[in-house]
Amino acid sequence: MCFYRHPQGVTSIRTNNGSMRNRGVELEATYRLLRSKDFNIQIGANAAWNKILF
């Protein structure tokens, strides 16, 4: 790997002056259909709703 430094140095700096907020809801449900000593069957589902605010 080789690094090269520009002879004039850094001429500008990037900044992030913004703001961001994540909001949302996530739901999960599981139902056990069959339960025995050595065997289980279950069904699961999940849903999510997310919104990003700038």
N, C-alpha and C. Protein backbone atom coordinates (compact mmCIF):
# COMPACT_ATOMS: atom_id res chain seq x y z
N MET A 1 0.84 -1.16 0.00
CA MET A 1 0.00 0.00 0.00
C MET A 1 0.89 1.24 0.00
N CYS A 2 0.56 2.21 -0.82
CA CYS A 2 1.37 3.40 -0.94
C CYS A 2 0.52 4.63 -0.65
N PHE A 3 1.02 5.53 0.17
CA PHE A 3 0.33 6.77 0.49
C PHE A 3 1.10 7.93 -0.15
N TYR A 4 0.36 8.83 -0.77
CA TYR A 4 0.97 9.99 -1.41
C TYR A 4 0.40 11.24 -0.79
N ARG A 5 1.24 12.12 -0.34
CA ARG A 5 0.80 13.38 0.25
C ARG A 5 0.99 14.49 -0.77
N HIS A 6 -0.07 15.24 -0.97
CA HIS A 6 -0.04 16.34 -1.93
C HIS A 6 0.90 17.43 -1.40
N PRO A 7 1.79 17.97 -2.23
CA PRO A 7 2.80 18.92 -1.73
C PRO A 7 2.22 20.24 -1.18
N GLN A 8 1.04 20.67 -1.63
CA GLN A 8 0.47 21.92 -1.12
C GLN A 8 -0.32 21.74 0.17
N GLY A 9 -0.58 20.52 0.59
CA GLY A 9 -1.35 20.30 1.82
C GLY A 9 -2.85 20.28 1.54
N VAL A 10 -3.62 20.39 2.61
CA VAL A 10 -5.08 20.35 2.50
C VAL A 10 -5.59 21.74 2.14
N THR A 11 -6.39 21.81 1.08
CA THR A 11 -6.91 23.10 0.65
C THR A 11 -8.36 23.31 1.04
N SER A 12 -9.09 22.25 1.40
CA SER A 12 -10.48 22.39 1.84
C SER A 12 -10.82 21.24 2.78
N ILE A 13 -11.83 21.46 3.61
CA ILE A 13 -12.30 20.46 4.56
C ILE A 13 -13.80 20.30 4.37
N ARG A 14 -14.25 19.05 4.21
CA ARG A 14 -15.68 18.78 4.10
C ARG A 14 -16.28 18.69 5.49
N THR A 15 -17.44 19.30 5.67
CA THR A 15 -18.16 19.20 6.94
C THR A 15 -19.61 18.82 6.67
N ASN A 16 -20.25 18.24 7.65
CA ASN A 16 -21.65 17.90 7.60
C ASN A 16 -22.36 18.77 8.61
N ASN A 17 -23.06 19.79 8.15
CA ASN A 17 -23.73 20.73 9.03
C ASN A 17 -25.22 20.46 9.14
N GLY A 18 -25.68 19.33 8.68
CA GLY A 18 -27.11 18.99 8.72
C GLY A 18 -27.48 18.17 9.92
N SER A 19 -28.77 17.88 10.02
CA SER A 19 -29.26 17.01 11.09
C SER A 19 -30.21 15.98 10.48
N MET A 20 -30.35 14.86 11.17
CA MET A 20 -31.18 13.78 10.68
C MET A 20 -31.80 13.06 11.86
N ARG A 21 -33.05 12.62 11.70
CA ARG A 21 -33.73 11.87 12.76
C ARG A 21 -34.45 10.68 12.13
N ASN A 22 -34.29 9.51 12.73
CA ASN A 22 -34.98 8.31 12.29
C ASN A 22 -36.13 8.03 13.25
N ARG A 23 -37.32 7.80 12.68
CA ARG A 23 -38.48 7.45 13.50
C ARG A 23 -39.16 6.26 12.85
N GLY A 24 -39.76 5.40 13.65
CA GLY A 24 -40.46 4.27 13.07
C GLY A 24 -41.04 3.33 14.11
N VAL A 25 -41.73 2.32 13.58
CA VAL A 25 -42.38 1.31 14.40
C VAL A 25 -42.04 -0.05 13.80
N GLU A 26 -41.79 -1.02 14.66
CA GLU A 26 -41.55 -2.38 14.21
C GLU A 26 -42.41 -3.32 15.06
N LEU A 27 -43.11 -4.23 14.38
CA LEU A 27 -43.98 -5.19 15.06
C LEU A 27 -43.53 -6.61 14.71
N GLU A 28 -43.66 -7.49 15.67
CA GLU A 28 -43.32 -8.89 15.44
C GLU A 28 -44.33 -9.76 16.16
N ALA A 29 -44.76 -10.85 15.49
CA ALA A 29 -45.71 -11.80 16.08
C ALA A 29 -45.25 -13.22 15.76
N THR A 30 -45.42 -14.11 16.72
CA THR A 30 -45.07 -15.51 16.55
C THR A 30 -46.20 -16.36 17.12
N TYR A 31 -46.56 -17.42 16.38
CA TYR A 31 -47.60 -18.33 16.83
C TYR A 31 -47.07 -19.75 16.77
N ARG A 32 -47.18 -20.47 17.85
CA ARG A 32 -46.71 -21.85 17.91
C ARG A 32 -47.86 -22.77 17.50
N LEU A 33 -47.69 -23.46 16.36
CA LEU A 33 -48.73 -24.35 15.84
C LEU A 33 -48.73 -25.71 16.52
N LEU A 34 -47.55 -26.26 16.72
CA LEU A 34 -47.44 -27.61 17.27
C LEU A 34 -46.26 -27.65 18.23
N ARG A 35 -46.49 -28.24 19.38
CA ARG A 35 -45.42 -28.37 20.36
C ARG A 35 -45.46 -29.77 20.95
N SER A 36 -44.36 -30.48 20.80
CA SER A 36 -44.25 -31.81 21.39
C SER A 36 -42.89 -31.91 22.08
N LYS A 37 -42.58 -33.07 22.60
CA LYS A 37 -41.33 -33.25 23.33
C LYS A 37 -40.11 -33.02 22.45
N ASP A 38 -40.15 -33.51 21.20
CA ASP A 38 -38.98 -33.44 20.32
C ASP A 38 -39.19 -32.58 19.07
N PHE A 39 -40.34 -31.93 18.94
CA PHE A 39 -40.63 -31.25 17.68
C PHE A 39 -41.50 -30.02 17.93
N ASN A 40 -41.18 -28.92 17.26
CA ASN A 40 -41.96 -27.69 17.35
C ASN A 40 -42.19 -27.13 15.96
N ILE A 41 -43.38 -26.58 15.73
CA ILE A 41 -43.67 -25.83 14.50
C ILE A 41 -44.25 -24.49 14.94
N GLN A 42 -43.67 -23.43 14.41
CA GLN A 42 -44.18 -22.10 14.71
C GLN A 42 -44.09 -21.22 13.48
N ILE A 43 -44.95 -20.22 13.43
CA ILE A 43 -45.01 -19.27 12.32
C ILE A 43 -44.74 -17.89 12.89
N GLY A 44 -43.92 -17.11 12.20
CA GLY A 44 -43.62 -15.76 12.65
C GLY A 44 -43.70 -14.77 11.51
N ALA A 45 -43.99 -13.53 11.86
CA ALA A 45 -44.04 -12.45 10.87
C ALA A 45 -43.60 -11.16 11.54
N ASN A 46 -43.02 -10.28 10.76
CA ASN A 46 -42.70 -8.95 11.29
C ASN A 46 -42.95 -7.91 10.21
N ALA A 47 -43.18 -6.69 10.66
CA ALA A 47 -43.43 -5.56 9.77
C ALA A 47 -42.74 -4.34 10.36
N ALA A 48 -42.30 -3.46 9.48
CA ALA A 48 -41.63 -2.25 9.93
C ALA A 48 -42.06 -1.06 9.10
N TRP A 49 -42.15 0.09 9.73
CA TRP A 49 -42.43 1.35 9.06
C TRP A 49 -41.42 2.35 9.60
N ASN A 50 -40.62 2.91 8.70
CA ASN A 50 -39.56 3.85 9.10
C ASN A 50 -39.68 5.13 8.30
N LYS A 51 -39.33 6.23 8.93
CA LYS A 51 -39.33 7.53 8.27
C LYS A 51 -38.07 8.27 8.68
N ILE A 52 -37.37 8.82 7.71
CA ILE A 52 -36.16 9.59 7.95
C ILE A 52 -36.49 11.07 7.74
N LEU A 53 -36.24 11.86 8.75
CA LEU A 53 -36.51 13.30 8.69
C LEU A 53 -35.19 14.06 8.61
N PHE A 54 -35.10 14.94 7.64
CA PHE A 54 -33.91 15.77 7.49
C PHE A 54 -34.15 17.16 8.00
